[in-house]
Amino acid sequence: MANTKSAIKAARQNERRNLRNRTVKTRLKTLSKNLTAAQAAGNKEQAQQLAASYLSALDKAAKANVVHRNVVARHKSRWGKVAMGQA
């Protein structure tokens, strides 16, 4: 348990941030699974729409420092062709 006032406040802040980050990461995982399923089913139009929303969500997560920028770059590289309708 935190002993000082600043440590108590930091613990409160960490709880709030943890909850916020967890919701963002869960949303990213859901979007990724939906995109993978659409790609496997051969539904190009749906995959293209899901890829665009997934890449947008990745950019927002990177902007908020929830996900590392290199992870975002890797995922964008892999799914970029799908978003552009080339794959």
N, C-alpha and C. Protein backbone atom coordinates (compact mmCIF):
# COMPACT_ATOMS: atom_id res chain seq x y z
N MET A 1 0.84 -1.18 0.00
CA MET A 1 0.00 0.00 0.00
C MET A 1 0.88 1.25 0.00
N ALA A 2 0.43 2.26 -0.68
CA ALA A 2 1.18 3.50 -0.78
C ALA A 2 1.20 4.22 0.56
N ASN A 3 2.33 4.83 0.88
CA ASN A 3 2.49 5.49 2.17
C ASN A 3 2.37 7.00 2.09
N THR A 4 2.88 7.58 1.03
CA THR A 4 2.88 9.03 0.93
C THR A 4 1.68 9.52 0.12
N LYS A 5 1.39 10.81 0.28
CA LYS A 5 0.28 11.40 -0.46
C LYS A 5 0.48 11.27 -1.96
N SER A 6 1.70 11.53 -2.40
CA SER A 6 1.97 11.47 -3.84
C SER A 6 1.85 10.04 -4.38
N ALA A 7 2.24 9.07 -3.56
CA ALA A 7 2.15 7.68 -3.98
C ALA A 7 0.69 7.23 -4.05
N ILE A 8 -0.13 7.73 -3.14
CA ILE A 8 -1.56 7.41 -3.14
C ILE A 8 -2.21 7.99 -4.40
N LYS A 9 -1.86 9.24 -4.72
CA LYS A 9 -2.40 9.87 -5.92
C LYS A 9 -1.93 9.14 -7.18
N ALA A 10 -0.66 8.75 -7.20
CA ALA A 10 -0.13 8.02 -8.36
C ALA A 10 -0.85 6.69 -8.54
N ALA A 11 -1.19 6.04 -7.45
CA ALA A 11 -1.91 4.76 -7.52
C ALA A 11 -3.30 4.98 -8.11
N ARG A 12 -3.97 6.07 -7.71
CA ARG A 12 -5.29 6.39 -8.27
C ARG A 12 -5.19 6.65 -9.77
N GLN A 13 -4.18 7.43 -10.16
CA GLN A 13 -3.99 7.75 -11.57
C GLN A 13 -3.71 6.48 -12.38
N ASN A 14 -2.89 5.59 -11.82
CA ASN A 14 -2.57 4.35 -12.52
C ASN A 14 -3.80 3.48 -12.73
N GLU A 15 -4.69 3.46 -11.76
CA GLU A 15 -5.94 2.69 -11.91
C GLU A 15 -6.77 3.23 -13.06
N ARG A 16 -6.93 4.56 -13.11
CA ARG A 16 -7.71 5.17 -14.19
C ARG A 16 -7.08 4.90 -15.55
N ARG A 17 -5.78 5.07 -15.63
CA ARG A 17 -5.08 4.86 -16.89
C ARG A 17 -5.14 3.40 -17.33
N ASN A 18 -5.01 2.49 -16.35
CA ASN A 18 -5.06 1.07 -16.64
C ASN A 18 -6.41 0.70 -17.25
N LEU A 19 -7.48 1.22 -16.69
CA LEU A 19 -8.82 0.94 -17.20
C LEU A 19 -8.98 1.50 -18.61
N ARG A 20 -8.54 2.72 -18.83
CA ARG A 20 -8.64 3.36 -20.14
C ARG A 20 -7.83 2.58 -21.18
N ASN A 21 -6.60 2.22 -20.82
CA ASN A 21 -5.74 1.49 -21.75
C ASN A 21 -6.31 0.11 -22.06
N ARG A 22 -6.89 -0.54 -21.05
CA ARG A 22 -7.45 -1.88 -21.25
C ARG A 22 -8.61 -1.84 -22.23
N THR A 23 -9.45 -0.81 -22.15
CA THR A 23 -10.58 -0.72 -23.08
C THR A 23 -10.08 -0.50 -24.51
N VAL A 24 -9.05 0.30 -24.67
CA VAL A 24 -8.50 0.55 -26.00
C VAL A 24 -7.90 -0.73 -26.57
N LYS A 25 -7.13 -1.45 -25.77
CA LYS A 25 -6.49 -2.68 -26.23
C LYS A 25 -7.52 -3.75 -26.56
N THR A 26 -8.58 -3.84 -25.77
CA THR A 26 -9.64 -4.81 -26.04
C THR A 26 -10.32 -4.49 -27.35
N ARG A 27 -10.57 -3.21 -27.60
CA ARG A 27 -11.19 -2.81 -28.86
C ARG A 27 -10.29 -3.15 -30.04
N LEU A 28 -8.99 -2.94 -29.90
CA LEU A 28 -8.05 -3.27 -30.96
C LEU A 28 -8.06 -4.78 -31.25
N LYS A 29 -8.08 -5.58 -30.20
CA LYS A 29 -8.10 -7.03 -30.39
C LYS A 29 -9.38 -7.47 -31.08
N THR A 30 -10.51 -6.88 -30.71
CA THR A 30 -11.78 -7.23 -31.34
C THR A 30 -11.77 -6.86 -32.82
N LEU A 31 -11.31 -5.66 -33.13
CA LEU A 31 -11.23 -5.23 -34.52
C LEU A 31 -10.31 -6.14 -35.33
N SER A 32 -9.20 -6.53 -34.73
CA SER A 32 -8.25 -7.40 -35.41
C SER A 32 -8.87 -8.76 -35.70
N LYS A 33 -9.58 -9.32 -34.72
CA LYS A 33 -10.23 -10.62 -34.92
C LYS A 33 -11.30 -10.54 -35.99
N ASN A 34 -12.10 -9.47 -35.97
CA ASN A 34 -13.14 -9.31 -36.99
C ASN A 34 -12.54 -9.17 -38.38
N LEU A 35 -11.44 -8.44 -38.47
CA LEU A 35 -10.76 -8.24 -39.75
C LEU A 35 -10.19 -9.56 -40.26
N THR A 36 -9.57 -10.32 -39.40
CA THR A 36 -9.01 -11.61 -39.78
C THR A 36 -10.11 -12.56 -40.25
N ALA A 37 -11.25 -12.55 -39.55
CA ALA A 37 -12.37 -13.42 -39.93
C ALA A 37 -12.94 -13.02 -41.28
N ALA A 38 -13.07 -11.74 -41.53
CA ALA A 38 -13.60 -11.27 -42.81
C ALA A 38 -12.64 -11.61 -43.94
N GLN A 39 -11.35 -11.48 -43.68
CA GLN A 39 -10.34 -11.80 -44.68
C GLN A 39 -10.37 -13.30 -44.99
N ALA A 40 -10.50 -14.12 -43.97
CA ALA A 40 -10.52 -15.58 -44.16
C ALA A 40 -11.78 -16.01 -44.90
N ALA A 41 -12.89 -15.31 -44.67
CA ALA A 41 -14.15 -15.65 -45.33
C ALA A 41 -14.17 -15.18 -46.78
N GLY A 42 -13.23 -14.36 -47.16
CA GLY A 42 -13.15 -13.87 -48.53
C GLY A 42 -14.06 -12.69 -48.82
N ASN A 43 -14.54 -12.04 -47.77
CA ASN A 43 -15.43 -10.89 -47.92
C ASN A 43 -14.58 -9.63 -48.06
N LYS A 44 -14.27 -9.26 -49.31
CA LYS A 44 -13.32 -8.16 -49.54
C LYS A 44 -13.86 -6.80 -49.11
N GLU A 45 -15.12 -6.52 -49.40
CA GLU A 45 -15.67 -5.20 -49.05
C GLU A 45 -15.69 -4.99 -47.54
N GLN A 46 -16.16 -6.01 -46.83
CA GLN A 46 -16.21 -5.90 -45.37
C GLN A 46 -14.80 -5.81 -44.79
N ALA A 47 -13.87 -6.60 -45.34
CA ALA A 47 -12.49 -6.57 -44.87
C ALA A 47 -11.88 -5.20 -45.10
N GLN A 48 -12.21 -4.58 -46.22
CA GLN A 48 -11.67 -3.26 -46.52
C GLN A 48 -12.18 -2.22 -45.51
N GLN A 49 -13.46 -2.28 -45.18
CA GLN A 49 -14.02 -1.34 -44.21
C GLN A 49 -13.45 -1.59 -42.82
N LEU A 50 -13.34 -2.86 -42.43
CA LEU A 50 -12.79 -3.19 -41.12
C LEU A 50 -11.32 -2.80 -41.02
N ALA A 51 -10.59 -2.97 -42.11
CA ALA A 51 -9.17 -2.61 -42.11
C ALA A 51 -9.00 -1.11 -41.89
N ALA A 52 -9.85 -0.33 -42.53
CA ALA A 52 -9.76 1.13 -42.38
C ALA A 52 -10.03 1.53 -40.93
N SER A 53 -11.06 0.94 -40.33
CA SER A 53 -11.37 1.29 -38.94
C SER A 53 -10.30 0.77 -37.98
N TYR A 54 -9.73 -0.40 -38.29
CA TYR A 54 -8.67 -0.96 -37.45
C TYR A 54 -7.42 -0.08 -37.50
N LEU A 55 -7.03 0.34 -38.70
CA LEU A 55 -5.85 1.18 -38.83
C LEU A 55 -6.05 2.53 -38.15
N SER A 56 -7.26 3.06 -38.23
CA SER A 56 -7.57 4.31 -37.56
C SER A 56 -7.46 4.15 -36.04
N ALA A 57 -8.00 3.05 -35.54
CA ALA A 57 -7.94 2.80 -34.09
C ALA A 57 -6.49 2.61 -33.64
N LEU A 58 -5.68 1.96 -34.47
CA LEU A 58 -4.26 1.80 -34.15
C LEU A 58 -3.56 3.14 -34.04
N ASP A 59 -3.84 4.03 -34.99
CA ASP A 59 -3.22 5.36 -34.97
C ASP A 59 -3.61 6.12 -33.70
N LYS A 60 -4.87 6.03 -33.33
CA LYS A 60 -5.34 6.72 -32.12
C LYS A 60 -4.68 6.14 -30.87
N ALA A 61 -4.52 4.82 -30.85
CA ALA A 61 -3.87 4.17 -29.70
C ALA A 61 -2.41 4.57 -29.60
N ALA A 62 -1.75 4.69 -30.74
CA ALA A 62 -0.34 5.10 -30.73
C ALA A 62 -0.21 6.56 -30.29
N LYS A 63 -1.16 7.37 -30.72
CA LYS A 63 -1.14 8.79 -30.34
C LYS A 63 -1.27 8.96 -28.83
N ALA A 64 -2.05 8.08 -28.20
CA ALA A 64 -2.26 8.15 -26.76
C ALA A 64 -1.22 7.33 -25.99
N ASN A 65 -0.21 6.79 -26.70
CA ASN A 65 0.85 5.98 -26.10
C ASN A 65 0.31 4.73 -25.39
N VAL A 66 -0.78 4.18 -25.90
CA VAL A 66 -1.31 2.94 -25.35
C VAL A 66 -0.57 1.76 -25.98
N VAL A 67 -0.26 1.89 -27.26
CA VAL A 67 0.47 0.86 -28.00
C VAL A 67 1.72 1.51 -28.58
N HIS A 68 2.81 0.77 -28.58
CA HIS A 68 4.06 1.31 -29.08
C HIS A 68 3.97 1.59 -30.58
N ARG A 69 4.62 2.65 -31.01
CA ARG A 69 4.51 3.08 -32.40
C ARG A 69 5.06 2.05 -33.37
N ASN A 70 6.04 1.26 -32.96
CA ASN A 70 6.58 0.23 -33.86
C ASN A 70 5.59 -0.91 -34.06
N VAL A 71 4.82 -1.21 -33.04
CA VAL A 71 3.77 -2.23 -33.16
C VAL A 71 2.72 -1.75 -34.15
N VAL A 72 2.36 -0.49 -34.03
CA VAL A 72 1.38 0.10 -34.94
C VAL A 72 1.91 0.08 -36.37
N ALA A 73 3.18 0.42 -36.55
CA ALA A 73 3.78 0.43 -37.89
C ALA A 73 3.76 -0.97 -38.49
N ARG A 74 4.03 -1.98 -37.69
CA ARG A 74 4.04 -3.35 -38.18
C ARG A 74 2.65 -3.79 -38.63
N HIS A 75 1.64 -3.50 -37.81
CA HIS A 75 0.27 -3.88 -38.15
C HIS A 75 -0.23 -3.10 -39.37
N LYS A 76 0.11 -1.84 -39.44
CA LYS A 76 -0.32 -1.03 -40.60
C LYS A 76 0.33 -1.55 -41.88
N SER A 77 1.57 -1.99 -41.78
CA SER A 77 2.25 -2.53 -42.93
C SER A 77 1.57 -3.81 -43.41
N ARG A 78 1.16 -4.64 -42.48
CA ARG A 78 0.55 -5.92 -42.83
C ARG A 78 -0.87 -5.76 -43.38
N TRP A 79 -1.62 -4.83 -42.82
CA TRP A 79 -3.03 -4.70 -43.20
C TRP A 79 -3.29 -3.55 -44.16
N GLY A 80 -2.26 -2.82 -44.52
CA GLY A 80 -2.44 -1.67 -45.40
C GLY A 80 -2.98 -2.02 -46.77
N LYS A 81 -2.50 -3.15 -47.32
CA LYS A 81 -2.97 -3.56 -48.64
C LYS A 81 -4.45 -3.91 -48.63
N VAL A 82 -4.89 -4.51 -47.54
CA VAL A 82 -6.31 -4.86 -47.41
C VAL A 82 -7.15 -3.59 -47.37
N ALA A 83 -6.68 -2.60 -46.64
CA ALA A 83 -7.42 -1.35 -46.50
C ALA A 83 -7.52 -0.63 -47.85
N MET A 84 -6.50 -0.77 -48.69
CA MET A 84 -6.51 -0.11 -49.99
C MET A 84 -7.23 -0.94 -51.04
N GLY A 85 -7.65 -2.15 -50.68
CA GLY A 85 -8.38 -2.99 -51.61
C GLY A 85 -7.49 -3.72 -52.59
N GLN A 86 -6.21 -3.87 -52.27
CA GLN A 86 -5.28 -4.53 -53.18
C GLN A 86 -5.12 -6.01 -52.90
N ALA A 87 -5.48 -6.44 -51.69
CA ALA A 87 -5.27 -7.85 -51.36
C ALA A 87 -6.57 -8.57 -51.12
